[in-house]
Amino acid sequence: MTRFQDHDIVELRHGDSLIRVAPQFGGRLLSWDIGAEPVIYWPDQADWSQLARVRGGNPLLFPFLGRHRVDGRLGEWRDSADVVRHMPMHGFARDLPFAATVDADGRGIRMTLTDTEETREAYPFAFRFEACYRLVDDQTLEVSLTTANTGTQPLPSYPGHHFYFALPHEMRAHTTLELPATDRRHQLDDGAITAPVPGEPSYTLDE
């Protein structure tokens, strides 16, 4: 562990690449630097008492990303048994500690979150959610998110993450993100999800 902004974190290096990760703070990737150049931004004066409000790093969003609503009421979702439950925006994972194991070569970290009595109040399912970060080389960071159903009933989930790239605002319209084939949907005011439409192969970062 390394001390960073008065908190214990994990630092991983490979060549010129350095990533900082805080497993006990939602498994959050804090920053990624290549030499002196930041790729993923983390503010110098981050408020660690309210990390959900910090615009930096890469918060992990599980079991659902985005806002949820039932009959227009934000912060609720309806499960398959027709029970309405509370769910914070972007889920609860970003506020919980993850168990962590660093790869033997010091270039990757595997972080895991499992269900507890607390999580089952909002999300009554048995699960294992795993986030892995690995420096493949000094220019490439590999990220994988894996959800496992450890129970017997169907597991609804659509996790995600939220990179804060260190990119000047005026460059956003001229910078593209390439994606594999995807579908796009959005949520209606009553909580329903629209039918899928084909996504684009790339988006500019001002979209």
N, C-alpha and C. Protein backbone atom coordinates (compact mmCIF):
# COMPACT_ATOMS: atom_id res chain seq x y z
N MET A 1 0.84 -1.19 0.00
CA MET A 1 0.00 0.00 0.00
C MET A 1 0.88 1.24 0.00
N THR A 2 0.36 2.30 -0.62
CA THR A 2 1.05 3.58 -0.71
C THR A 2 0.15 4.65 -0.12
N ARG A 3 0.73 5.64 0.53
CA ARG A 3 -0.05 6.74 1.09
C ARG A 3 -0.25 7.80 0.02
N PHE A 4 -1.50 8.19 -0.22
CA PHE A 4 -1.82 9.18 -1.25
C PHE A 4 -2.99 10.01 -0.74
N GLN A 5 -2.82 11.32 -0.70
CA GLN A 5 -3.86 12.22 -0.19
C GLN A 5 -4.39 11.74 1.17
N ASP A 6 -3.47 11.32 2.02
CA ASP A 6 -3.79 10.88 3.39
C ASP A 6 -4.61 9.60 3.45
N HIS A 7 -4.57 8.77 2.40
CA HIS A 7 -5.27 7.50 2.39
C HIS A 7 -4.37 6.42 1.81
N ASP A 8 -4.59 5.18 2.26
CA ASP A 8 -3.84 4.04 1.74
C ASP A 8 -4.44 3.60 0.41
N ILE A 9 -3.59 3.52 -0.60
CA ILE A 9 -4.03 3.10 -1.93
C ILE A 9 -3.01 2.10 -2.48
N VAL A 10 -3.31 1.58 -3.67
CA VAL A 10 -2.39 0.69 -4.39
C VAL A 10 -1.87 1.41 -5.61
N GLU A 11 -0.56 1.39 -5.79
CA GLU A 11 0.06 1.92 -7.01
C GLU A 11 0.64 0.77 -7.82
N LEU A 12 0.38 0.79 -9.13
CA LEU A 12 0.92 -0.22 -10.04
C LEU A 12 1.67 0.49 -11.15
N ARG A 13 2.84 -0.02 -11.48
CA ARG A 13 3.69 0.60 -12.51
C ARG A 13 4.11 -0.43 -13.54
N HIS A 14 4.25 0.05 -14.78
CA HIS A 14 4.88 -0.73 -15.84
C HIS A 14 5.47 0.26 -16.83
N GLY A 15 6.79 0.28 -16.94
CA GLY A 15 7.43 1.28 -17.79
C GLY A 15 7.09 2.67 -17.30
N ASP A 16 6.60 3.50 -18.21
CA ASP A 16 6.24 4.88 -17.86
C ASP A 16 4.83 5.00 -17.30
N SER A 17 4.07 3.90 -17.30
CA SER A 17 2.68 3.96 -16.85
C SER A 17 2.57 3.76 -15.34
N LEU A 18 1.69 4.55 -14.73
CA LEU A 18 1.40 4.45 -13.31
C LEU A 18 -0.10 4.58 -13.11
N ILE A 19 -0.71 3.61 -12.42
CA ILE A 19 -2.11 3.75 -12.03
C ILE A 19 -2.20 3.72 -10.50
N ARG A 20 -3.18 4.46 -10.00
CA ARG A 20 -3.48 4.48 -8.56
C ARG A 20 -4.90 3.96 -8.38
N VAL A 21 -5.08 3.04 -7.43
CA VAL A 21 -6.37 2.40 -7.20
C VAL A 21 -6.66 2.41 -5.70
N ALA A 22 -7.93 2.64 -5.35
CA ALA A 22 -8.36 2.63 -3.95
C ALA A 22 -9.42 1.56 -3.75
N PRO A 23 -9.02 0.31 -3.49
CA PRO A 23 -10.01 -0.78 -3.37
C PRO A 23 -11.06 -0.54 -2.29
N GLN A 24 -10.65 0.03 -1.16
CA GLN A 24 -11.59 0.21 -0.05
C GLN A 24 -12.55 1.36 -0.27
N PHE A 25 -12.35 2.14 -1.33
CA PHE A 25 -13.23 3.25 -1.67
C PHE A 25 -13.94 2.95 -2.99
N GLY A 26 -14.75 1.90 -2.99
CA GLY A 26 -15.52 1.56 -4.17
C GLY A 26 -14.72 0.94 -5.30
N GLY A 27 -13.51 0.43 -4.99
CA GLY A 27 -12.69 -0.16 -6.04
C GLY A 27 -12.32 0.84 -7.11
N ARG A 28 -12.21 2.10 -6.74
CA ARG A 28 -12.06 3.16 -7.75
C ARG A 28 -10.62 3.27 -8.27
N LEU A 29 -10.50 3.25 -9.59
CA LEU A 29 -9.28 3.72 -10.22
C LEU A 29 -9.23 5.22 -10.03
N LEU A 30 -8.16 5.72 -9.40
CA LEU A 30 -8.05 7.16 -9.16
C LEU A 30 -7.45 7.88 -10.36
N SER A 31 -6.33 7.36 -10.85
CA SER A 31 -5.65 8.08 -11.93
C SER A 31 -4.78 7.11 -12.73
N TRP A 32 -4.46 7.55 -13.92
CA TRP A 32 -3.51 6.85 -14.79
C TRP A 32 -2.64 7.91 -15.45
N ASP A 33 -1.34 7.77 -15.27
CA ASP A 33 -0.38 8.69 -15.88
C ASP A 33 0.61 7.91 -16.72
N ILE A 34 0.98 8.47 -17.85
CA ILE A 34 2.06 7.94 -18.67
C ILE A 34 3.17 8.99 -18.66
N GLY A 35 4.22 8.71 -17.92
CA GLY A 35 5.24 9.73 -17.71
C GLY A 35 4.63 10.90 -16.95
N ALA A 36 4.81 12.09 -17.49
CA ALA A 36 4.26 13.29 -16.84
C ALA A 36 2.87 13.63 -17.35
N GLU A 37 2.32 12.82 -18.26
CA GLU A 37 1.03 13.14 -18.87
C GLU A 37 -0.10 12.36 -18.21
N PRO A 38 -1.11 13.05 -17.66
CA PRO A 38 -2.26 12.34 -17.11
C PRO A 38 -3.19 11.84 -18.22
N VAL A 39 -3.64 10.61 -18.10
CA VAL A 39 -4.63 10.05 -19.02
C VAL A 39 -6.00 10.05 -18.34
N ILE A 40 -6.04 9.56 -17.10
CA ILE A 40 -7.24 9.61 -16.27
C ILE A 40 -6.99 10.63 -15.17
N TYR A 41 -7.89 11.57 -15.04
CA TYR A 41 -7.71 12.73 -14.14
C TYR A 41 -8.18 12.44 -12.72
N TRP A 42 -7.43 12.96 -11.74
CA TRP A 42 -7.86 12.95 -10.34
C TRP A 42 -7.51 14.31 -9.74
N PRO A 43 -8.48 15.00 -9.10
CA PRO A 43 -8.21 16.35 -8.60
C PRO A 43 -7.26 16.35 -7.40
N ASP A 44 -6.46 17.40 -7.31
CA ASP A 44 -5.51 17.54 -6.21
C ASP A 44 -6.21 17.71 -4.86
N GLN A 45 -7.37 18.33 -4.87
CA GLN A 45 -8.09 18.60 -3.62
C GLN A 45 -9.37 17.78 -3.53
N ALA A 46 -9.29 16.50 -3.81
CA ALA A 46 -10.47 15.64 -3.78
C ALA A 46 -11.02 15.51 -2.37
N ASP A 47 -12.35 15.55 -2.25
CA ASP A 47 -13.00 15.37 -0.96
C ASP A 47 -13.32 13.89 -0.77
N TRP A 48 -12.49 13.19 -0.02
CA TRP A 48 -12.64 11.76 0.15
C TRP A 48 -13.84 11.41 1.02
N SER A 49 -14.42 12.39 1.69
CA SER A 49 -15.61 12.11 2.49
C SER A 49 -16.86 12.07 1.63
N GLN A 50 -16.77 12.54 0.38
CA GLN A 50 -17.90 12.52 -0.55
C GLN A 50 -17.39 12.11 -1.93
N LEU A 51 -16.86 10.90 -2.03
CA LEU A 51 -16.23 10.48 -3.29
C LEU A 51 -17.22 10.40 -4.44
N ALA A 52 -18.50 10.14 -4.14
CA ALA A 52 -19.49 10.08 -5.22
C ALA A 52 -19.60 11.41 -5.95
N ARG A 53 -19.18 12.49 -5.29
CA ARG A 53 -19.25 13.82 -5.91
C ARG A 53 -17.95 14.23 -6.59
N VAL A 54 -16.90 13.42 -6.44
CA VAL A 54 -15.61 13.76 -7.02
C VAL A 54 -15.63 13.45 -8.51
N ARG A 55 -15.29 14.43 -9.30
CA ARG A 55 -15.24 14.26 -10.75
C ARG A 55 -13.82 13.87 -11.15
N GLY A 56 -13.55 12.57 -11.03
CA GLY A 56 -12.22 12.08 -11.35
C GLY A 56 -12.15 10.57 -11.25
N GLY A 57 -11.12 10.00 -11.83
CA GLY A 57 -10.90 8.56 -11.76
C GLY A 57 -11.84 7.77 -12.63
N ASN A 58 -12.26 6.62 -12.11
CA ASN A 58 -13.19 5.76 -12.83
C ASN A 58 -14.07 5.04 -11.82
N PRO A 59 -15.19 5.66 -11.39
CA PRO A 59 -16.08 4.99 -10.45
C PRO A 59 -16.74 3.76 -11.09
N LEU A 60 -16.90 2.71 -10.29
CA LEU A 60 -17.55 1.48 -10.74
C LEU A 60 -19.04 1.55 -10.44
N LEU A 61 -19.87 1.27 -11.43
CA LEU A 61 -21.31 1.45 -11.33
C LEU A 61 -21.98 0.08 -11.38
N PHE A 62 -22.49 -0.35 -10.22
CA PHE A 62 -23.10 -1.68 -10.10
C PHE A 62 -24.12 -1.62 -8.97
N PRO A 63 -25.25 -2.33 -9.06
CA PRO A 63 -25.64 -3.28 -10.12
C PRO A 63 -26.20 -2.62 -11.38
N PHE A 64 -26.58 -1.34 -11.28
CA PHE A 64 -27.13 -0.64 -12.43
C PHE A 64 -26.40 0.70 -12.58
N LEU A 65 -26.26 1.13 -13.81
CA LEU A 65 -25.73 2.47 -14.02
C LEU A 65 -26.89 3.42 -14.31
N GLY A 66 -26.65 4.70 -14.08
CA GLY A 66 -27.65 5.72 -14.37
C GLY A 66 -28.65 5.91 -13.24
N ARG A 67 -29.62 6.78 -13.50
CA ARG A 67 -30.70 7.03 -12.54
C ARG A 67 -31.83 6.03 -12.77
N HIS A 68 -32.55 5.72 -11.71
CA HIS A 68 -33.71 4.85 -11.83
C HIS A 68 -34.93 5.52 -11.23
N ARG A 69 -36.08 5.19 -11.77
CA ARG A 69 -37.31 5.81 -11.30
C ARG A 69 -38.46 4.84 -11.43
N VAL A 70 -39.43 5.00 -10.55
CA VAL A 70 -40.69 4.26 -10.61
C VAL A 70 -41.81 5.29 -10.55
N ASP A 71 -42.64 5.30 -11.58
CA ASP A 71 -43.75 6.27 -11.65
C ASP A 71 -43.26 7.70 -11.43
N GLY A 72 -42.10 8.00 -12.03
CA GLY A 72 -41.56 9.35 -11.97
C GLY A 72 -40.73 9.65 -10.73
N ARG A 73 -40.69 8.75 -9.75
CA ARG A 73 -39.93 8.98 -8.52
C ARG A 73 -38.49 8.49 -8.71
N LEU A 74 -37.53 9.40 -8.60
CA LEU A 74 -36.13 9.04 -8.76
C LEU A 74 -35.65 8.24 -7.56
N GLY A 75 -34.64 7.38 -7.81
CA GLY A 75 -34.02 6.63 -6.73
C GLY A 75 -34.75 5.37 -6.35
N GLU A 76 -35.67 4.90 -7.20
CA GLU A 76 -36.39 3.66 -6.93
C GLU A 76 -36.34 2.76 -8.16
N TRP A 77 -36.48 1.46 -7.92
CA TRP A 77 -36.63 0.51 -9.03
C TRP A 77 -37.58 -0.59 -8.60
N ARG A 78 -38.19 -1.24 -9.58
CA ARG A 78 -39.19 -2.28 -9.32
C ARG A 78 -38.62 -3.62 -9.74
N ASP A 79 -38.53 -4.58 -8.79
CA ASP A 79 -37.97 -5.88 -9.12
C ASP A 79 -39.02 -6.78 -9.78
N SER A 80 -38.62 -8.00 -10.13
CA SER A 80 -39.51 -8.89 -10.89
C SER A 80 -40.70 -9.37 -10.06
N ALA A 81 -40.62 -9.22 -8.73
CA ALA A 81 -41.75 -9.57 -7.86
C ALA A 81 -42.66 -8.38 -7.63
N ASP A 82 -42.41 -7.30 -8.37
CA ASP A 82 -43.23 -6.08 -8.29
C ASP A 82 -43.01 -5.32 -6.98
N VAL A 83 -41.86 -5.55 -6.33
CA VAL A 83 -41.51 -4.82 -5.12
C VAL A 83 -40.68 -3.60 -5.50
N VAL A 84 -41.07 -2.43 -5.00
CA VAL A 84 -40.33 -1.21 -5.26
C VAL A 84 -39.25 -1.05 -4.21
N ARG A 85 -38.02 -0.85 -4.65
CA ARG A 85 -36.88 -0.75 -3.75
C ARG A 85 -36.08 0.52 -4.04
N HIS A 86 -35.38 0.99 -3.03
CA HIS A 86 -34.50 2.15 -3.19
C HIS A 86 -33.22 1.72 -3.89
N MET A 87 -32.72 2.58 -4.80
CA MET A 87 -31.44 2.33 -5.45
C MET A 87 -30.79 3.68 -5.76
N PRO A 88 -29.64 3.98 -5.18
CA PRO A 88 -28.99 5.26 -5.48
C PRO A 88 -28.55 5.32 -6.94
N MET A 89 -28.37 6.53 -7.44
CA MET A 89 -27.89 6.70 -8.81
C MET A 89 -26.56 5.95 -8.98
N HIS A 90 -26.44 5.20 -10.06
CA HIS A 90 -25.25 4.41 -10.38
C HIS A 90 -25.04 3.24 -9.42
N GLY A 91 -26.04 2.88 -8.63
CA GLY A 91 -25.90 1.73 -7.75
C GLY A 91 -25.12 2.03 -6.49
N PHE A 92 -24.74 0.94 -5.79
CA PHE A 92 -24.11 1.09 -4.48
C PHE A 92 -22.63 0.72 -4.46
N ALA A 93 -22.11 0.11 -5.52
CA ALA A 93 -20.74 -0.41 -5.47
C ALA A 93 -19.70 0.67 -5.23
N ARG A 94 -19.90 1.85 -5.80
CA ARG A 94 -18.88 2.90 -5.69
C ARG A 94 -18.73 3.42 -4.27
N ASP A 95 -19.65 3.04 -3.37
CA ASP A 95 -19.58 3.47 -1.97
C ASP A 95 -19.12 2.37 -1.02
N LEU A 96 -18.75 1.20 -1.54
CA LEU A 96 -18.44 0.06 -0.69
C LEU A 96 -16.99 -0.40 -0.87
N PRO A 97 -16.40 -1.02 0.15
CA PRO A 97 -15.04 -1.54 0.02
C PRO A 97 -15.01 -2.84 -0.77
N PHE A 98 -13.99 -2.98 -1.60
CA PHE A 98 -13.76 -4.19 -2.38
C PHE A 98 -12.58 -4.96 -1.78
N ALA A 99 -12.66 -6.28 -1.82
CA ALA A 99 -11.49 -7.10 -1.53
C ALA A 99 -10.55 -7.02 -2.73
N ALA A 100 -9.23 -7.03 -2.49
CA ALA A 100 -8.29 -6.81 -3.59
C ALA A 100 -7.11 -7.76 -3.53
N THR A 101 -6.67 -8.19 -4.72
CA THR A 101 -5.46 -9.00 -4.87
C THR A 101 -4.63 -8.42 -6.00
N VAL A 102 -3.37 -8.14 -5.73
CA VAL A 102 -2.46 -7.62 -6.75
C VAL A 102 -1.79 -8.78 -7.45
N ASP A 103 -1.68 -8.71 -8.79
CA ASP A 103 -1.01 -9.75 -9.55
C ASP A 103 0.45 -9.88 -9.11
N ALA A 104 0.98 -11.09 -9.26
CA ALA A 104 2.33 -11.38 -8.79
C ALA A 104 3.38 -10.49 -9.43
N ASP A 105 3.14 -10.07 -10.69
CA ASP A 105 4.14 -9.24 -11.37
C ASP A 105 3.95 -7.75 -11.08
N GLY A 106 2.95 -7.40 -10.25
CA GLY A 106 2.76 -6.01 -9.88
C GLY A 106 2.18 -5.12 -10.95
N ARG A 107 1.61 -5.72 -12.01
CA ARG A 107 1.08 -4.92 -13.11
C ARG A 107 -0.44 -4.91 -13.17
N GLY A 108 -1.10 -5.66 -12.29
CA GLY A 108 -2.55 -5.73 -12.33
C GLY A 108 -3.14 -5.90 -10.94
N ILE A 109 -4.42 -5.61 -10.83
CA ILE A 109 -5.14 -5.77 -9.57
C ILE A 109 -6.54 -6.30 -9.88
N ARG A 110 -6.99 -7.22 -9.01
CA ARG A 110 -8.31 -7.84 -9.14
C ARG A 110 -9.09 -7.48 -7.88
N MET A 111 -10.25 -6.82 -8.04
CA MET A 111 -11.05 -6.37 -6.90
C MET A 111 -12.44 -6.97 -6.96
N THR A 112 -12.95 -7.41 -5.81
CA THR A 112 -14.19 -8.16 -5.78
C THR A 112 -15.14 -7.61 -4.73
N LEU A 113 -16.42 -7.52 -5.11
CA LEU A 113 -17.49 -7.14 -4.21
C LEU A 113 -18.53 -8.25 -4.22
N THR A 114 -18.98 -8.71 -3.04
CA THR A 114 -20.01 -9.73 -2.95
C THR A 114 -21.18 -9.21 -2.13
N ASP A 115 -22.30 -9.91 -2.24
CA ASP A 115 -23.53 -9.45 -1.58
C ASP A 115 -23.40 -9.56 -0.06
N THR A 116 -24.10 -8.66 0.62
CA THR A 116 -24.17 -8.64 2.08
C THR A 116 -25.62 -8.38 2.49
N GLU A 117 -25.87 -8.43 3.76
CA GLU A 117 -27.21 -8.11 4.25
C GLU A 117 -27.60 -6.70 3.84
N GLU A 118 -26.63 -5.78 3.84
CA GLU A 118 -26.90 -4.39 3.44
C GLU A 118 -27.27 -4.29 1.97
N THR A 119 -26.50 -4.94 1.09
CA THR A 119 -26.79 -4.84 -0.34
C THR A 119 -28.11 -5.49 -0.69
N ARG A 120 -28.49 -6.56 0.03
CA ARG A 120 -29.71 -7.28 -0.30
C ARG A 120 -30.98 -6.48 0.03
N GLU A 121 -30.85 -5.42 0.83
CA GLU A 121 -32.01 -4.56 1.07
C GLU A 121 -32.42 -3.82 -0.21
N ALA A 122 -31.44 -3.36 -0.97
CA ALA A 122 -31.73 -2.66 -2.22
C ALA A 122 -31.75 -3.59 -3.42
N TYR A 123 -31.05 -4.70 -3.31
CA TYR A 123 -30.81 -5.59 -4.45
C TYR A 123 -30.78 -7.02 -3.91
N PRO A 124 -31.94 -7.69 -3.85
CA PRO A 124 -32.07 -8.96 -3.13
C PRO A 124 -31.54 -10.16 -3.91
N PHE A 125 -30.25 -10.12 -4.23
CA PHE A 125 -29.65 -11.15 -5.05
C PHE A 125 -28.27 -11.49 -4.52
N ALA A 126 -27.85 -12.73 -4.79
CA ALA A 126 -26.50 -13.17 -4.47
C ALA A 126 -25.62 -12.95 -5.71
N PHE A 127 -24.48 -12.31 -5.52
CA PHE A 127 -23.65 -11.95 -6.67
C PHE A 127 -22.19 -11.88 -6.28
N ARG A 128 -21.35 -11.90 -7.28
CA ARG A 128 -19.94 -11.54 -7.16
C ARG A 128 -19.61 -10.61 -8.33
N PHE A 129 -19.20 -9.39 -8.01
CA PHE A 129 -18.85 -8.40 -9.03
C PHE A 129 -17.35 -8.16 -8.95
N GLU A 130 -16.69 -8.30 -10.08
CA GLU A 130 -15.23 -8.21 -10.09
C GLU A 130 -14.76 -7.19 -11.12
N ALA A 131 -13.83 -6.35 -10.71
CA ALA A 131 -13.21 -5.37 -11.60
C ALA A 131 -11.71 -5.63 -11.62
N CYS A 132 -11.16 -5.72 -12.82
CA CYS A 132 -9.72 -5.96 -12.98
C CYS A 132 -9.10 -4.85 -13.81
N TYR A 133 -7.96 -4.36 -13.34
CA TYR A 133 -7.15 -3.39 -14.08
C TYR A 133 -5.78 -4.01 -14.27
N ARG A 134 -5.26 -3.90 -15.50
CA ARG A 134 -3.93 -4.46 -15.76
C ARG A 134 -3.21 -3.60 -16.80
N LEU A 135 -1.97 -3.25 -16.48
CA LEU A 135 -1.11 -2.53 -17.41
C LEU A 135 -0.50 -3.55 -18.37
N VAL A 136 -1.04 -3.61 -19.57
CA VAL A 136 -0.58 -4.58 -20.56
C VAL A 136 0.81 -4.21 -21.06
N ASP A 137 0.99 -2.93 -21.34
CA ASP A 137 2.30 -2.38 -21.67
C ASP A 137 2.31 -0.94 -21.17
N ASP A 138 3.33 -0.17 -21.54
CA ASP A 138 3.42 1.18 -20.97
C ASP A 138 2.50 2.19 -21.65
N GLN A 139 1.65 1.71 -22.58
CA GLN A 139 0.68 2.59 -23.24
C GLN A 139 -0.75 2.07 -23.14
N THR A 140 -0.96 0.90 -22.54
CA THR A 140 -2.27 0.25 -22.59
C THR A 140 -2.72 -0.20 -21.20
N LEU A 141 -3.92 0.22 -20.83
CA LEU A 141 -4.55 -0.24 -19.60
C LEU A 141 -5.76 -1.09 -19.97
N GLU A 142 -5.74 -2.35 -19.55
CA GLU A 142 -6.86 -3.27 -19.82
C GLU A 142 -7.79 -3.28 -18.61
N VAL A 143 -9.10 -3.14 -18.88
CA VAL A 143 -10.10 -3.10 -17.82
C VAL A 143 -11.16 -4.16 -18.13
N SER A 144 -11.52 -4.95 -17.13
CA SER A 144 -12.61 -5.91 -17.33
C SER A 144 -13.52 -5.90 -16.11
N LEU A 145 -14.83 -5.97 -16.38
CA LEU A 145 -15.84 -6.06 -15.34
C LEU A 145 -16.59 -7.37 -15.53
N THR A 146 -16.73 -8.15 -14.47
CA THR A 146 -17.38 -9.46 -14.56
C THR A 146 -18.41 -9.58 -13.45
N THR A 147 -19.63 -9.97 -13.81
CA THR A 147 -20.68 -10.21 -12.82
C THR A 147 -21.01 -11.69 -12.83
N ALA A 148 -21.00 -12.30 -11.65
CA ALA A 148 -21.35 -13.72 -11.51
C ALA A 148 -22.58 -13.84 -10.63
N ASN A 149 -23.51 -14.68 -11.07
CA ASN A 149 -24.70 -14.98 -10.28
C ASN A 149 -24.37 -16.15 -9.36
N THR A 150 -24.30 -15.88 -8.05
CA THR A 150 -23.98 -16.94 -7.09
C THR A 150 -25.22 -17.48 -6.39
N GLY A 151 -26.39 -17.07 -6.88
CA GLY A 151 -27.64 -17.54 -6.32
C GLY A 151 -28.38 -18.43 -7.29
N THR A 152 -29.69 -18.58 -7.07
CA THR A 152 -30.50 -19.49 -7.87
C THR A 152 -31.54 -18.78 -8.72
N GLN A 153 -31.75 -17.49 -8.52
CA GLN A 153 -32.74 -16.76 -9.29
C GLN A 153 -32.06 -15.88 -10.33
N PRO A 154 -32.76 -15.54 -11.41
CA PRO A 154 -32.16 -14.68 -12.44
C PRO A 154 -31.64 -13.37 -11.83
N LEU A 155 -30.49 -12.92 -12.33
CA LEU A 155 -29.79 -11.76 -11.76
C LEU A 155 -29.88 -10.58 -12.72
N PRO A 156 -30.71 -9.58 -12.44
CA PRO A 156 -30.74 -8.40 -13.30
C PRO A 156 -29.57 -7.48 -12.99
N SER A 157 -28.81 -7.11 -13.99
CA SER A 157 -27.70 -6.17 -13.76
C SER A 157 -27.26 -5.58 -15.09
N TYR A 158 -26.84 -4.34 -15.04
CA TYR A 158 -26.12 -3.74 -16.16
C TYR A 158 -25.11 -2.76 -15.59
N PRO A 159 -23.98 -3.31 -15.16
CA PRO A 159 -22.93 -2.47 -14.58
C PRO A 159 -22.21 -1.66 -15.65
N GLY A 160 -21.42 -0.74 -15.19
CA GLY A 160 -20.62 0.07 -16.10
C GLY A 160 -19.55 0.81 -15.34
N HIS A 161 -18.90 1.74 -16.01
CA HIS A 161 -17.92 2.59 -15.37
C HIS A 161 -17.91 3.94 -16.07
N HIS A 162 -17.09 4.87 -15.55
CA HIS A 162 -17.26 6.28 -15.91
C HIS A 162 -15.89 6.96 -15.90
N PHE A 163 -15.13 6.78 -16.98
CA PHE A 163 -13.78 7.36 -17.04
C PHE A 163 -13.82 8.88 -17.11
N TYR A 164 -12.98 9.52 -16.31
CA TYR A 164 -12.76 10.96 -16.40
C TYR A 164 -11.40 11.17 -17.09
N PHE A 165 -11.46 11.31 -18.40
CA PHE A 165 -10.23 11.50 -19.16
C PHE A 165 -9.67 12.91 -18.94
N ALA A 166 -8.36 12.98 -18.88
CA ALA A 166 -7.69 14.27 -18.73
C ALA A 166 -7.59 14.91 -20.12
N LEU A 167 -8.67 15.54 -20.52
CA LEU A 167 -8.78 16.07 -21.88
C LEU A 167 -9.27 17.51 -21.82
N PRO A 168 -8.54 18.46 -22.41
CA PRO A 168 -9.02 19.84 -22.43
C PRO A 168 -10.41 19.93 -23.06
N HIS A 169 -11.26 20.78 -22.50
CA HIS A 169 -12.65 20.87 -22.95
C HIS A 169 -12.76 21.12 -24.45
N GLU A 170 -11.89 21.99 -24.97
CA GLU A 170 -12.00 22.36 -26.38
C GLU A 170 -11.63 21.21 -27.32
N MET A 171 -11.05 20.12 -26.80
CA MET A 171 -10.68 18.98 -27.63
C MET A 171 -11.75 17.90 -27.66
N ARG A 172 -12.79 18.06 -26.86
CA ARG A 172 -13.78 16.98 -26.75
C ARG A 172 -14.48 16.69 -28.08
N ALA A 173 -14.78 17.73 -28.84
CA ALA A 173 -15.49 17.55 -30.12
C ALA A 173 -14.59 16.94 -31.19
N HIS A 174 -13.28 16.92 -30.94
CA HIS A 174 -12.33 16.42 -31.94
C HIS A 174 -11.68 15.11 -31.51
N THR A 175 -12.22 14.50 -30.45
CA THR A 175 -11.67 13.25 -29.92
C THR A 175 -12.75 12.18 -29.98
N THR A 176 -12.41 11.01 -30.49
CA THR A 176 -13.42 9.96 -30.68
C THR A 176 -13.17 8.77 -29.78
N LEU A 177 -14.26 8.11 -29.44
CA LEU A 177 -14.25 6.86 -28.69
C LEU A 177 -14.83 5.79 -29.59
N GLU A 178 -14.04 4.76 -29.91
CA GLU A 178 -14.50 3.67 -30.76
C GLU A 178 -15.05 2.54 -29.89
N LEU A 179 -16.18 1.98 -30.33
CA LEU A 179 -16.86 0.93 -29.57
C LEU A 179 -17.18 -0.25 -30.47
N PRO A 180 -17.24 -1.46 -29.89
CA PRO A 180 -17.77 -2.59 -30.66
C PRO A 180 -19.26 -2.38 -30.89
N ALA A 181 -19.85 -3.26 -31.69
CA ALA A 181 -21.28 -3.14 -31.99
C ALA A 181 -22.10 -3.15 -30.70
N THR A 182 -22.97 -2.16 -30.54
CA THR A 182 -23.78 -2.04 -29.33
C THR A 182 -25.20 -1.62 -29.70
N ASP A 183 -26.09 -1.76 -28.73
CA ASP A 183 -27.44 -1.21 -28.84
C ASP A 183 -27.56 -0.05 -27.86
N ARG A 184 -28.40 0.91 -28.21
CA ARG A 184 -28.68 2.04 -27.32
C ARG A 184 -30.12 1.96 -26.84
N ARG A 185 -30.33 2.28 -25.56
CA ARG A 185 -31.67 2.37 -24.98
C ARG A 185 -31.67 3.55 -24.03
N HIS A 186 -32.85 4.01 -23.64
CA HIS A 186 -32.93 4.99 -22.56
C HIS A 186 -34.17 4.72 -21.73
N GLN A 187 -34.16 5.30 -20.54
CA GLN A 187 -35.22 5.04 -19.58
C GLN A 187 -36.29 6.12 -19.67
N LEU A 188 -37.55 5.67 -19.65
CA LEU A 188 -38.68 6.59 -19.67
C LEU A 188 -39.04 7.01 -18.25
N ASP A 189 -39.89 8.02 -18.13
CA ASP A 189 -40.25 8.55 -16.81
C ASP A 189 -40.91 7.52 -15.91
N ASP A 190 -41.61 6.54 -16.51
CA ASP A 190 -42.29 5.53 -15.67
C ASP A 190 -41.37 4.38 -15.28
N GLY A 191 -40.09 4.46 -15.69
CA GLY A 191 -39.13 3.43 -15.36
C GLY A 191 -38.92 2.40 -16.44
N ALA A 192 -39.76 2.40 -17.47
CA ALA A 192 -39.61 1.44 -18.57
C ALA A 192 -38.39 1.78 -19.42
N ILE A 193 -37.85 0.77 -20.09
CA ILE A 193 -36.69 0.93 -20.96
C ILE A 193 -37.16 0.85 -22.42
N THR A 194 -36.66 1.75 -23.25
CA THR A 194 -37.08 1.77 -24.65
C THR A 194 -36.52 0.57 -25.40
N ALA A 195 -37.09 0.31 -26.55
CA ALA A 195 -36.58 -0.74 -27.42
C ALA A 195 -35.18 -0.37 -27.92
N PRO A 196 -34.34 -1.36 -28.18
CA PRO A 196 -32.98 -1.05 -28.62
C PRO A 196 -32.93 -0.49 -30.03
N VAL A 197 -31.99 0.40 -30.25
CA VAL A 197 -31.67 0.89 -31.59
C VAL A 197 -30.16 0.71 -31.77
N PRO A 198 -29.69 0.51 -32.98
CA PRO A 198 -28.26 0.28 -33.19
C PRO A 198 -27.42 1.48 -32.74
N GLY A 199 -26.33 1.18 -32.04
CA GLY A 199 -25.40 2.23 -31.66
C GLY A 199 -24.45 2.57 -32.79
N GLU A 200 -23.66 3.61 -32.59
CA GLU A 200 -22.69 4.03 -33.59
C GLU A 200 -21.34 3.34 -33.33
N PRO A 201 -20.51 3.18 -34.37
CA PRO A 201 -19.19 2.57 -34.14
C PRO A 201 -18.24 3.49 -33.40
N SER A 202 -18.52 4.80 -33.41
CA SER A 202 -17.68 5.73 -32.66
C SER A 202 -18.49 6.96 -32.30
N TYR A 203 -18.07 7.63 -31.22
CA TYR A 203 -18.72 8.84 -30.74
C TYR A 203 -17.64 9.87 -30.44
N THR A 204 -17.94 11.14 -30.67
CA THR A 204 -17.04 12.17 -30.17
C THR A 204 -17.35 12.39 -28.70
N LEU A 205 -16.36 12.83 -27.93
CA LEU A 205 -16.52 12.90 -26.49
C LEU A 205 -17.36 14.09 -26.03
N ASP A 206 -17.86 14.90 -26.96
CA ASP A 206 -18.80 15.95 -26.56
C ASP A 206 -20.24 15.47 -26.69
N GLU A 207 -20.46 14.21 -27.12
CA GLU A 207 -21.82 13.68 -27.25
C GLU A 207 -22.28 13.16 -25.90
